[in-house]
Amino acid sequence: MSLMTTMPSPFPAAGHPATPLTRADLDLMPDDGRRYELIDGNLLVSPAPVPQHQRAVGAIYRLLYAACPEDLEAFFAPVDVALGPATVLQPDLLVARRDDFSERDLPVAPLLAVEVLSPSTRRFDLMVKWSTYQDAGCAAYWVVDPDTPSLIAWELQDGAYVQVAKVTGDESAHLTSPFEVTVVPANLFCR
């Protein structure tokens, strides 16, 4: 007689209809360098970012950290933004009120979410995450494109995102939400 043990799997067995995943399912994902996120119960898996992506994340973090007021805090991924039991995101960068963080995650929408585009995330960042953050009440959303280099920034006004900046190369964007900071896309990719 042999004893067989199985690990619980968040994936449906072949032939069975898919059921939305939850935060509990997300907790079962391996710690393998990939980013695992949920949007309305759908799993998004992203590969580890390339160096150019990480240069931009580091540069934006330094800008945000230097300008961040004491009651706010800037973080880079991975930090879970738990917008519900079936929606957990990890923006490349975020800014939120210090008091809004739990020991585990950020259980409310951040004041700012920033995504640096990559081939594997471009569509999700520009469409799905954009609308998810807007619906959750995230006050500002930025997308940085390393291919151009460029930055597009939106701010929430009357429940909908309005584009407040679109700059490329050496152009500068003076942004005010959640606090004042100036971003020059070309400077984000300097070595």
N, C-alpha and C. Protein backbone atom coordinates (compact mmCIF):
# COMPACT_ATOMS: atom_id res chain seq x y z
N MET A 1 0.85 -1.18 0.00
CA MET A 1 0.00 0.00 0.00
C MET A 1 0.89 1.23 0.00
N SER A 2 0.65 2.10 -0.95
CA SER A 2 1.46 3.31 -1.02
C SER A 2 0.61 4.51 -0.62
N LEU A 3 1.27 5.45 -0.01
CA LEU A 3 0.61 6.67 0.42
C LEU A 3 0.89 7.75 -0.62
N MET A 4 -0.16 8.35 -1.15
CA MET A 4 0.02 9.38 -2.16
C MET A 4 -0.46 10.71 -1.60
N THR A 5 0.38 11.71 -1.70
CA THR A 5 -0.04 13.05 -1.26
C THR A 5 -0.03 13.97 -2.46
N THR A 6 -0.91 14.93 -2.45
CA THR A 6 -0.97 15.91 -3.53
C THR A 6 -1.00 17.30 -2.93
N MET A 7 -0.42 18.21 -3.68
CA MET A 7 -0.47 19.62 -3.29
C MET A 7 -1.74 20.21 -3.88
N PRO A 8 -2.42 21.06 -3.15
CA PRO A 8 -3.60 21.72 -3.73
C PRO A 8 -3.15 22.57 -4.92
N SER A 9 -3.96 22.60 -5.94
CA SER A 9 -3.63 23.38 -7.13
C SER A 9 -4.73 24.38 -7.41
N PRO A 10 -4.38 25.63 -7.72
CA PRO A 10 -5.40 26.61 -8.05
C PRO A 10 -5.92 26.47 -9.47
N PHE A 11 -5.32 25.57 -10.26
CA PHE A 11 -5.71 25.43 -11.65
C PHE A 11 -6.77 24.35 -11.78
N PRO A 12 -7.79 24.56 -12.62
CA PRO A 12 -8.84 23.56 -12.77
C PRO A 12 -8.31 22.33 -13.49
N ALA A 13 -8.87 21.17 -13.16
CA ALA A 13 -8.52 19.94 -13.86
C ALA A 13 -9.06 20.00 -15.28
N ALA A 14 -8.41 19.29 -16.20
CA ALA A 14 -8.85 19.28 -17.60
C ALA A 14 -10.32 18.87 -17.67
N GLY A 15 -11.08 19.57 -18.47
CA GLY A 15 -12.49 19.25 -18.65
C GLY A 15 -13.42 19.91 -17.66
N HIS A 16 -12.87 20.52 -16.62
CA HIS A 16 -13.71 21.20 -15.63
C HIS A 16 -13.70 22.70 -15.92
N PRO A 17 -14.84 23.34 -15.73
CA PRO A 17 -14.88 24.78 -15.97
C PRO A 17 -13.97 25.52 -14.98
N ALA A 18 -13.37 26.58 -15.46
CA ALA A 18 -12.48 27.39 -14.62
C ALA A 18 -13.31 28.16 -13.61
N THR A 19 -12.85 28.19 -12.38
CA THR A 19 -13.49 29.02 -11.36
C THR A 19 -12.53 30.15 -11.04
N PRO A 20 -13.04 31.30 -10.70
CA PRO A 20 -12.15 32.41 -10.39
C PRO A 20 -11.21 32.06 -9.24
N LEU A 21 -9.97 32.48 -9.36
CA LEU A 21 -8.99 32.28 -8.31
C LEU A 21 -9.16 33.34 -7.24
N THR A 22 -8.63 33.06 -6.06
CA THR A 22 -8.73 34.00 -4.94
C THR A 22 -7.33 34.26 -4.38
N ARG A 23 -7.29 35.14 -3.39
CA ARG A 23 -6.04 35.44 -2.70
C ARG A 23 -5.43 34.18 -2.10
N ALA A 24 -6.25 33.29 -1.60
CA ALA A 24 -5.75 32.03 -1.03
C ALA A 24 -5.04 31.20 -2.10
N ASP A 25 -5.57 31.17 -3.32
CA ASP A 25 -4.92 30.46 -4.42
C ASP A 25 -3.59 31.13 -4.77
N LEU A 26 -3.59 32.45 -4.76
CA LEU A 26 -2.37 33.19 -5.07
C LEU A 26 -1.26 32.87 -4.09
N ASP A 27 -1.63 32.65 -2.83
CA ASP A 27 -0.64 32.31 -1.81
C ASP A 27 0.04 30.97 -2.08
N LEU A 28 -0.55 30.11 -2.91
CA LEU A 28 0.02 28.81 -3.23
C LEU A 28 1.03 28.86 -4.39
N MET A 29 1.13 30.01 -5.04
CA MET A 29 2.04 30.13 -6.18
C MET A 29 3.49 30.03 -5.71
N PRO A 30 4.35 29.46 -6.55
CA PRO A 30 5.75 29.28 -6.15
C PRO A 30 6.50 30.61 -6.07
N ASP A 31 7.54 30.64 -5.28
CA ASP A 31 8.43 31.80 -5.18
C ASP A 31 9.56 31.55 -6.18
N ASP A 32 9.28 31.85 -7.46
CA ASP A 32 10.20 31.48 -8.53
C ASP A 32 10.70 32.66 -9.36
N GLY A 33 10.55 33.88 -8.84
CA GLY A 33 11.03 35.05 -9.56
C GLY A 33 10.01 35.65 -10.50
N ARG A 34 8.92 34.97 -10.73
CA ARG A 34 7.86 35.53 -11.57
C ARG A 34 6.92 36.35 -10.70
N ARG A 35 6.18 37.23 -11.35
CA ARG A 35 5.19 38.03 -10.64
C ARG A 35 3.82 37.41 -10.90
N TYR A 36 3.11 37.07 -9.82
CA TYR A 36 1.78 36.49 -9.91
C TYR A 36 0.78 37.51 -9.41
N GLU A 37 -0.21 37.83 -10.25
CA GLU A 37 -1.23 38.80 -9.89
C GLU A 37 -2.60 38.24 -10.27
N LEU A 38 -3.64 38.77 -9.64
CA LEU A 38 -5.02 38.39 -9.95
C LEU A 38 -5.81 39.63 -10.33
N ILE A 39 -6.59 39.50 -11.38
CA ILE A 39 -7.56 40.54 -11.73
C ILE A 39 -8.88 39.83 -11.95
N ASP A 40 -9.83 40.12 -11.10
CA ASP A 40 -11.15 39.49 -11.15
C ASP A 40 -11.05 37.96 -11.21
N GLY A 41 -10.13 37.39 -10.45
CA GLY A 41 -9.99 35.95 -10.38
C GLY A 41 -9.16 35.33 -11.48
N ASN A 42 -8.67 36.14 -12.41
CA ASN A 42 -7.83 35.65 -13.50
C ASN A 42 -6.36 35.85 -13.16
N LEU A 43 -5.57 34.81 -13.35
CA LEU A 43 -4.16 34.83 -13.00
C LEU A 43 -3.34 35.47 -14.11
N LEU A 44 -2.49 36.42 -13.73
CA LEU A 44 -1.52 37.03 -14.64
C LEU A 44 -0.13 36.64 -14.14
N VAL A 45 0.68 36.09 -15.01
CA VAL A 45 2.03 35.68 -14.65
C VAL A 45 3.00 36.43 -15.54
N SER A 46 3.94 37.15 -14.94
CA SER A 46 4.94 37.91 -15.69
C SER A 46 6.32 37.37 -15.37
N PRO A 47 7.19 37.30 -16.38
CA PRO A 47 8.56 36.85 -16.12
C PRO A 47 9.35 37.91 -15.35
N ALA A 48 10.49 37.52 -14.84
CA ALA A 48 11.37 38.47 -14.16
C ALA A 48 11.73 39.60 -15.13
N PRO A 49 11.79 40.84 -14.66
CA PRO A 49 12.06 41.97 -15.54
C PRO A 49 13.53 41.99 -16.01
N VAL A 50 13.74 42.63 -17.17
CA VAL A 50 15.08 42.78 -17.74
C VAL A 50 15.77 43.98 -17.09
N PRO A 51 17.11 44.08 -17.21
CA PRO A 51 17.84 45.18 -16.57
C PRO A 51 17.34 46.58 -16.94
N GLN A 52 16.99 46.82 -18.21
CA GLN A 52 16.51 48.15 -18.60
C GLN A 52 15.25 48.52 -17.82
N HIS A 53 14.38 47.56 -17.64
CA HIS A 53 13.16 47.77 -16.85
C HIS A 53 13.52 48.15 -15.42
N GLN A 54 14.44 47.41 -14.83
CA GLN A 54 14.83 47.65 -13.44
C GLN A 54 15.55 48.99 -13.27
N ARG A 55 16.32 49.42 -14.29
CA ARG A 55 16.94 50.76 -14.23
C ARG A 55 15.87 51.83 -14.11
N ALA A 56 14.82 51.70 -14.93
CA ALA A 56 13.74 52.68 -14.88
C ALA A 56 13.03 52.65 -13.54
N VAL A 57 12.74 51.46 -13.03
CA VAL A 57 12.08 51.33 -11.72
C VAL A 57 12.94 52.00 -10.65
N GLY A 58 14.24 51.74 -10.66
CA GLY A 58 15.14 52.34 -9.67
C GLY A 58 15.17 53.86 -9.77
N ALA A 59 15.23 54.38 -10.99
CA ALA A 59 15.27 55.84 -11.18
C ALA A 59 13.98 56.50 -10.71
N ILE A 60 12.84 55.89 -11.04
CA ILE A 60 11.56 56.47 -10.61
C ILE A 60 11.45 56.39 -9.09
N TYR A 61 11.87 55.26 -8.52
CA TYR A 61 11.82 55.14 -7.06
C TYR A 61 12.64 56.24 -6.39
N ARG A 62 13.84 56.50 -6.90
CA ARG A 62 14.68 57.55 -6.30
C ARG A 62 13.99 58.91 -6.37
N LEU A 63 13.34 59.21 -7.50
CA LEU A 63 12.59 60.48 -7.63
C LEU A 63 11.46 60.55 -6.61
N LEU A 64 10.69 59.46 -6.52
CA LEU A 64 9.55 59.45 -5.61
C LEU A 64 10.00 59.50 -4.16
N TYR A 65 11.01 58.73 -3.82
CA TYR A 65 11.51 58.68 -2.45
C TYR A 65 12.00 60.06 -2.00
N ALA A 66 12.72 60.75 -2.87
CA ALA A 66 13.29 62.07 -2.53
C ALA A 66 12.20 63.12 -2.31
N ALA A 67 11.08 62.99 -2.99
CA ALA A 67 10.02 64.01 -2.90
C ALA A 67 8.88 63.61 -1.97
N CYS A 68 8.89 62.39 -1.47
CA CYS A 68 7.77 61.83 -0.71
C CYS A 68 7.61 62.49 0.66
N PRO A 69 6.42 63.03 0.97
CA PRO A 69 6.16 63.57 2.31
C PRO A 69 6.20 62.45 3.36
N GLU A 70 6.38 62.83 4.61
CA GLU A 70 6.54 61.85 5.69
C GLU A 70 5.32 60.95 5.91
N ASP A 71 4.12 61.43 5.60
CA ASP A 71 2.94 60.61 5.83
C ASP A 71 2.67 59.61 4.70
N LEU A 72 3.48 59.67 3.64
CA LEU A 72 3.34 58.75 2.52
C LEU A 72 4.59 57.88 2.43
N GLU A 73 4.46 56.78 1.67
CA GLU A 73 5.60 55.89 1.50
C GLU A 73 5.62 55.36 0.07
N ALA A 74 6.81 55.31 -0.51
CA ALA A 74 7.01 54.77 -1.85
C ALA A 74 7.61 53.38 -1.74
N PHE A 75 7.10 52.45 -2.55
CA PHE A 75 7.60 51.08 -2.59
C PHE A 75 7.77 50.64 -4.04
N PHE A 76 8.68 49.69 -4.26
CA PHE A 76 8.77 49.03 -5.55
C PHE A 76 8.37 47.57 -5.36
N ALA A 77 8.01 46.91 -6.45
CA ALA A 77 7.53 45.52 -6.40
C ALA A 77 8.60 44.60 -5.84
N PRO A 78 8.14 43.55 -5.18
CA PRO A 78 6.76 43.12 -5.01
C PRO A 78 6.13 43.59 -3.71
N VAL A 79 5.03 44.30 -3.82
CA VAL A 79 4.15 44.62 -2.70
C VAL A 79 2.74 44.38 -3.21
N ASP A 80 1.99 43.54 -2.52
CA ASP A 80 0.63 43.24 -2.95
C ASP A 80 -0.30 44.42 -2.67
N VAL A 81 -1.09 44.76 -3.69
CA VAL A 81 -2.19 45.70 -3.54
C VAL A 81 -3.45 44.85 -3.64
N ALA A 82 -4.07 44.59 -2.50
CA ALA A 82 -5.23 43.70 -2.42
C ALA A 82 -6.50 44.51 -2.56
N LEU A 83 -7.05 44.54 -3.76
CA LEU A 83 -8.24 45.34 -4.04
C LEU A 83 -9.52 44.55 -3.84
N GLY A 84 -9.39 43.31 -3.46
CA GLY A 84 -10.54 42.44 -3.20
C GLY A 84 -10.06 41.01 -3.12
N PRO A 85 -10.94 40.08 -2.78
CA PRO A 85 -10.52 38.69 -2.64
C PRO A 85 -10.04 38.06 -3.94
N ALA A 86 -10.42 38.62 -5.10
CA ALA A 86 -10.03 38.05 -6.38
C ALA A 86 -9.20 39.03 -7.22
N THR A 87 -8.74 40.13 -6.63
CA THR A 87 -7.92 41.10 -7.35
C THR A 87 -6.77 41.53 -6.46
N VAL A 88 -5.57 41.07 -6.82
CA VAL A 88 -4.34 41.40 -6.09
C VAL A 88 -3.29 41.76 -7.13
N LEU A 89 -2.84 43.00 -7.11
CA LEU A 89 -1.86 43.48 -8.08
C LEU A 89 -0.53 43.80 -7.41
N GLN A 90 0.52 43.85 -8.22
CA GLN A 90 1.85 44.26 -7.76
C GLN A 90 2.40 45.26 -8.76
N PRO A 91 2.07 46.55 -8.60
CA PRO A 91 2.62 47.53 -9.54
C PRO A 91 4.14 47.60 -9.39
N ASP A 92 4.80 48.04 -10.45
CA ASP A 92 6.26 48.19 -10.37
C ASP A 92 6.65 49.13 -9.25
N LEU A 93 5.88 50.20 -9.07
CA LEU A 93 6.07 51.15 -7.98
C LEU A 93 4.72 51.61 -7.50
N LEU A 94 4.67 52.02 -6.23
CA LEU A 94 3.44 52.59 -5.71
C LEU A 94 3.77 53.60 -4.63
N VAL A 95 2.83 54.49 -4.42
CA VAL A 95 2.89 55.44 -3.30
C VAL A 95 1.54 55.34 -2.60
N ALA A 96 1.59 55.25 -1.27
CA ALA A 96 0.37 55.17 -0.47
C ALA A 96 0.61 55.83 0.89
N ARG A 97 -0.48 56.08 1.59
CA ARG A 97 -0.36 56.59 2.95
C ARG A 97 0.25 55.51 3.84
N ARG A 98 1.16 55.89 4.70
CA ARG A 98 1.79 54.93 5.62
C ARG A 98 0.75 54.17 6.43
N ASP A 99 -0.27 54.88 6.87
CA ASP A 99 -1.30 54.28 7.72
C ASP A 99 -2.20 53.29 6.97
N ASP A 100 -2.14 53.28 5.64
CA ASP A 100 -3.00 52.38 4.87
C ASP A 100 -2.44 50.97 4.75
N PHE A 101 -1.15 50.77 5.03
CA PHE A 101 -0.54 49.46 4.89
C PHE A 101 -0.89 48.56 6.06
N SER A 102 -1.13 47.30 5.77
CA SER A 102 -1.26 46.29 6.82
C SER A 102 0.11 45.63 6.96
N GLU A 103 0.22 44.67 7.83
CA GLU A 103 1.48 43.93 7.96
C GLU A 103 1.77 43.12 6.71
N ARG A 104 0.74 42.78 5.96
CA ARG A 104 0.88 41.89 4.81
C ARG A 104 0.92 42.60 3.47
N ASP A 105 0.12 43.68 3.33
CA ASP A 105 -0.08 44.26 2.00
C ASP A 105 -0.65 45.67 2.10
N LEU A 106 -1.05 46.19 0.97
CA LEU A 106 -1.81 47.43 0.90
C LEU A 106 -3.24 47.03 0.55
N PRO A 107 -4.17 47.07 1.52
CA PRO A 107 -5.53 46.58 1.29
C PRO A 107 -6.47 47.61 0.66
N VAL A 108 -5.95 48.71 0.16
CA VAL A 108 -6.73 49.75 -0.51
C VAL A 108 -5.96 50.19 -1.75
N ALA A 109 -6.62 50.95 -2.59
CA ALA A 109 -5.93 51.47 -3.77
C ALA A 109 -4.82 52.41 -3.36
N PRO A 110 -3.67 52.34 -4.04
CA PRO A 110 -2.60 53.30 -3.74
C PRO A 110 -2.98 54.70 -4.24
N LEU A 111 -2.22 55.68 -3.82
CA LEU A 111 -2.39 57.03 -4.34
C LEU A 111 -1.79 57.15 -5.73
N LEU A 112 -0.73 56.36 -5.97
CA LEU A 112 -0.06 56.32 -7.27
C LEU A 112 0.39 54.90 -7.54
N ALA A 113 0.11 54.42 -8.74
CA ALA A 113 0.65 53.15 -9.23
C ALA A 113 1.43 53.46 -10.50
N VAL A 114 2.62 52.85 -10.63
CA VAL A 114 3.47 53.07 -11.80
C VAL A 114 3.82 51.72 -12.40
N GLU A 115 3.67 51.61 -13.71
CA GLU A 115 4.09 50.41 -14.43
C GLU A 115 5.09 50.80 -15.51
N VAL A 116 6.16 50.01 -15.61
CA VAL A 116 7.14 50.15 -16.68
C VAL A 116 6.80 49.06 -17.68
N LEU A 117 6.52 49.46 -18.91
CA LEU A 117 6.06 48.52 -19.92
C LEU A 117 7.16 47.54 -20.33
N SER A 118 6.74 46.32 -20.62
CA SER A 118 7.61 45.32 -21.20
C SER A 118 6.78 44.56 -22.22
N PRO A 119 7.41 43.82 -23.12
CA PRO A 119 6.61 43.11 -24.13
C PRO A 119 5.54 42.20 -23.54
N SER A 120 5.84 41.56 -22.41
CA SER A 120 4.88 40.62 -21.83
C SER A 120 3.77 41.29 -21.04
N THR A 121 3.92 42.57 -20.67
CA THR A 121 2.91 43.23 -19.84
C THR A 121 2.23 44.42 -20.50
N ARG A 122 2.69 44.84 -21.66
CA ARG A 122 2.23 46.08 -22.30
C ARG A 122 0.70 46.19 -22.36
N ARG A 123 0.04 45.20 -22.93
CA ARG A 123 -1.42 45.27 -23.07
C ARG A 123 -2.14 45.31 -21.73
N PHE A 124 -1.68 44.48 -20.79
CA PHE A 124 -2.32 44.47 -19.46
C PHE A 124 -2.13 45.81 -18.76
N ASP A 125 -0.93 46.37 -18.84
CA ASP A 125 -0.65 47.64 -18.16
C ASP A 125 -1.48 48.78 -18.76
N LEU A 126 -1.61 48.80 -20.08
CA LEU A 126 -2.30 49.91 -20.75
C LEU A 126 -3.82 49.76 -20.76
N MET A 127 -4.31 48.56 -20.59
CA MET A 127 -5.76 48.38 -20.67
C MET A 127 -6.34 47.82 -19.36
N VAL A 128 -5.97 46.62 -19.01
CA VAL A 128 -6.60 45.94 -17.88
C VAL A 128 -6.23 46.59 -16.55
N LYS A 129 -4.94 46.78 -16.31
CA LYS A 129 -4.54 47.41 -15.04
C LYS A 129 -5.01 48.85 -14.98
N TRP A 130 -4.93 49.56 -16.09
CA TRP A 130 -5.40 50.94 -16.16
C TRP A 130 -6.84 51.02 -15.66
N SER A 131 -7.71 50.19 -16.21
CA SER A 131 -9.12 50.25 -15.81
C SER A 131 -9.34 49.70 -14.40
N THR A 132 -8.55 48.71 -13.99
CA THR A 132 -8.69 48.17 -12.63
C THR A 132 -8.31 49.23 -11.60
N TYR A 133 -7.21 49.93 -11.81
CA TYR A 133 -6.81 50.99 -10.88
C TYR A 133 -7.81 52.14 -10.90
N GLN A 134 -8.30 52.51 -12.06
CA GLN A 134 -9.30 53.57 -12.15
C GLN A 134 -10.55 53.19 -11.35
N ASP A 135 -11.06 51.97 -11.56
CA ASP A 135 -12.27 51.52 -10.86
C ASP A 135 -12.06 51.43 -9.35
N ALA A 136 -10.82 51.13 -8.93
CA ALA A 136 -10.51 51.01 -7.50
C ALA A 136 -10.32 52.35 -6.81
N GLY A 137 -10.19 53.43 -7.61
CA GLY A 137 -10.01 54.75 -7.03
C GLY A 137 -8.57 55.16 -6.82
N CYS A 138 -7.64 54.55 -7.53
CA CYS A 138 -6.23 54.94 -7.46
C CYS A 138 -6.11 56.35 -8.05
N ALA A 139 -5.62 57.30 -7.27
CA ALA A 139 -5.63 58.71 -7.66
C ALA A 139 -4.79 59.04 -8.89
N ALA A 140 -3.68 58.31 -9.09
CA ALA A 140 -2.81 58.59 -10.23
C ALA A 140 -2.21 57.29 -10.74
N TYR A 141 -2.05 57.21 -12.07
CA TYR A 141 -1.47 56.03 -12.71
C TYR A 141 -0.51 56.51 -13.78
N TRP A 142 0.73 56.00 -13.71
CA TRP A 142 1.75 56.35 -14.70
C TRP A 142 2.19 55.08 -15.42
N VAL A 143 2.48 55.25 -16.72
CA VAL A 143 3.05 54.18 -17.52
C VAL A 143 4.29 54.72 -18.19
N VAL A 144 5.40 54.00 -18.01
CA VAL A 144 6.69 54.39 -18.60
C VAL A 144 7.02 53.37 -19.68
N ASP A 145 7.38 53.86 -20.86
CA ASP A 145 7.74 52.98 -21.97
C ASP A 145 9.24 53.11 -22.24
N PRO A 146 10.01 52.06 -21.96
CA PRO A 146 11.45 52.12 -22.19
C PRO A 146 11.83 52.15 -23.66
N ASP A 147 10.95 51.70 -24.55
CA ASP A 147 11.27 51.67 -25.98
C ASP A 147 11.35 53.07 -26.58
N THR A 148 10.63 54.04 -26.03
CA THR A 148 10.57 55.37 -26.63
C THR A 148 11.69 56.30 -26.20
N PRO A 149 12.14 56.54 -25.02
CA PRO A 149 11.46 56.42 -23.73
C PRO A 149 10.38 57.50 -23.56
N SER A 150 9.32 57.12 -22.83
CA SER A 150 8.20 58.06 -22.65
C SER A 150 7.48 57.78 -21.34
N LEU A 151 6.66 58.74 -20.96
CA LEU A 151 5.82 58.62 -19.77
C LEU A 151 4.44 59.17 -20.11
N ILE A 152 3.43 58.43 -19.73
CA ILE A 152 2.05 58.92 -19.78
C ILE A 152 1.52 58.87 -18.35
N ALA A 153 0.91 59.96 -17.91
CA ALA A 153 0.36 60.03 -16.54
C ALA A 153 -1.11 60.41 -16.61
N TRP A 154 -1.89 59.71 -15.78
CA TRP A 154 -3.32 59.98 -15.66
C TRP A 154 -3.63 60.30 -14.20
N GLU A 155 -4.63 61.14 -13.99
CA GLU A 155 -5.13 61.41 -12.65
C GLU A 155 -6.64 61.20 -12.64
N LEU A 156 -7.12 60.71 -11.50
CA LEU A 156 -8.54 60.44 -11.33
C LEU A 156 -9.28 61.76 -11.11
N GLN A 157 -10.26 62.02 -11.98
CA GLN A 157 -11.10 63.21 -11.85
C GLN A 157 -12.54 62.78 -12.06
N ASP A 158 -13.36 62.97 -11.05
CA ASP A 158 -14.78 62.57 -11.09
C ASP A 158 -14.93 61.09 -11.44
N GLY A 159 -14.05 60.25 -10.88
CA GLY A 159 -14.16 58.81 -11.05
C GLY A 159 -13.58 58.25 -12.34
N ALA A 160 -12.96 59.09 -13.16
CA ALA A 160 -12.39 58.62 -14.43
C ALA A 160 -10.98 59.19 -14.62
N TYR A 161 -10.12 58.41 -15.24
CA TYR A 161 -8.76 58.89 -15.51
C TYR A 161 -8.76 59.91 -16.64
N VAL A 162 -8.00 60.98 -16.38
CA VAL A 162 -7.77 62.02 -17.37
C VAL A 162 -6.27 62.12 -17.56
N GLN A 163 -5.83 62.09 -18.81
CA GLN A 163 -4.40 62.20 -19.09
C GLN A 163 -3.91 63.60 -18.72
N VAL A 164 -2.88 63.67 -17.87
CA VAL A 164 -2.35 64.96 -17.43
C VAL A 164 -0.94 65.21 -17.97
N ALA A 165 -0.31 64.19 -18.52
CA ALA A 165 1.03 64.37 -19.10
C ALA A 165 1.31 63.25 -20.07
N LYS A 166 1.99 63.62 -21.16
CA LYS A 166 2.52 62.64 -22.11
C LYS A 166 3.80 63.26 -22.65
N VAL A 167 4.95 62.71 -22.22
CA VAL A 167 6.24 63.27 -22.61
C VAL A 167 7.15 62.17 -23.11
N THR A 168 8.09 62.55 -23.99
CA THR A 168 9.07 61.62 -24.51
C THR A 168 10.46 62.22 -24.40
N GLY A 169 11.46 61.34 -24.38
CA GLY A 169 12.86 61.76 -24.41
C GLY A 169 13.22 62.75 -23.33
N ASP A 170 13.72 63.92 -23.76
CA ASP A 170 14.20 64.95 -22.83
C ASP A 170 13.10 65.90 -22.36
N GLU A 171 11.86 65.69 -22.78
CA GLU A 171 10.76 66.52 -22.30
C GLU A 171 10.53 66.20 -20.83
N SER A 172 10.02 67.18 -20.09
CA SER A 172 9.77 66.95 -18.67
C SER A 172 8.28 67.05 -18.36
N ALA A 173 7.87 66.24 -17.42
CA ALA A 173 6.49 66.27 -16.93
C ALA A 173 6.54 66.69 -15.47
N HIS A 174 5.88 67.81 -15.15
CA HIS A 174 5.77 68.25 -13.76
C HIS A 174 4.43 67.72 -13.25
N LEU A 175 4.52 66.74 -12.36
CA LEU A 175 3.32 66.07 -11.86
C LEU A 175 3.06 66.47 -10.42
N THR A 176 1.79 66.50 -10.04
CA THR A 176 1.44 66.98 -8.70
C THR A 176 0.69 65.95 -7.85
N SER A 177 0.33 64.81 -8.43
CA SER A 177 -0.41 63.81 -7.66
C SER A 177 0.40 62.53 -7.56
N PRO A 178 0.69 62.07 -6.36
CA PRO A 178 0.18 62.48 -5.05
C PRO A 178 0.98 63.61 -4.42
N PHE A 179 2.10 64.01 -5.05
CA PHE A 179 2.89 65.15 -4.60
C PHE A 179 3.69 65.63 -5.80
N GLU A 180 4.33 66.79 -5.67
CA GLU A 180 5.05 67.36 -6.80
C GLU A 180 6.34 66.62 -7.08
N VAL A 181 6.52 66.29 -8.36
CA VAL A 181 7.74 65.64 -8.82
C VAL A 181 7.85 65.89 -10.33
N THR A 182 9.07 66.03 -10.82
CA THR A 182 9.31 66.22 -12.24
C THR A 182 10.00 64.98 -12.79
N VAL A 183 9.47 64.47 -13.91
CA VAL A 183 10.00 63.26 -14.53
C VAL A 183 10.44 63.59 -15.95
N VAL A 184 11.68 63.20 -16.28
CA VAL A 184 12.23 63.31 -17.64
C VAL A 184 12.50 61.88 -18.10
N PRO A 185 11.71 61.35 -19.04
CA PRO A 185 11.85 59.94 -19.41
C PRO A 185 13.27 59.51 -19.81
N ALA A 186 13.99 60.34 -20.54
CA ALA A 186 15.35 59.96 -20.98
C ALA A 186 16.26 59.70 -19.78
N ASN A 187 16.03 60.41 -18.67
CA ASN A 187 16.88 60.26 -17.48
C ASN A 187 16.62 58.95 -16.74
N LEU A 188 15.51 58.29 -17.04
CA LEU A 188 15.16 57.06 -16.33
C LEU A 188 15.97 55.85 -16.79
N PHE A 189 16.63 55.99 -17.93
CA PHE A 189 17.32 54.84 -18.51
C PHE A 189 18.83 55.06 -18.60
N CYS A 190 19.33 56.05 -17.89
CA CYS A 190 20.77 56.30 -17.86
C CYS A 190 21.44 55.26 -16.99
N ARG A 191 22.64 54.89 -17.35
CA ARG A 191 23.39 53.93 -16.53
C ARG A 191 24.21 54.67 -15.51
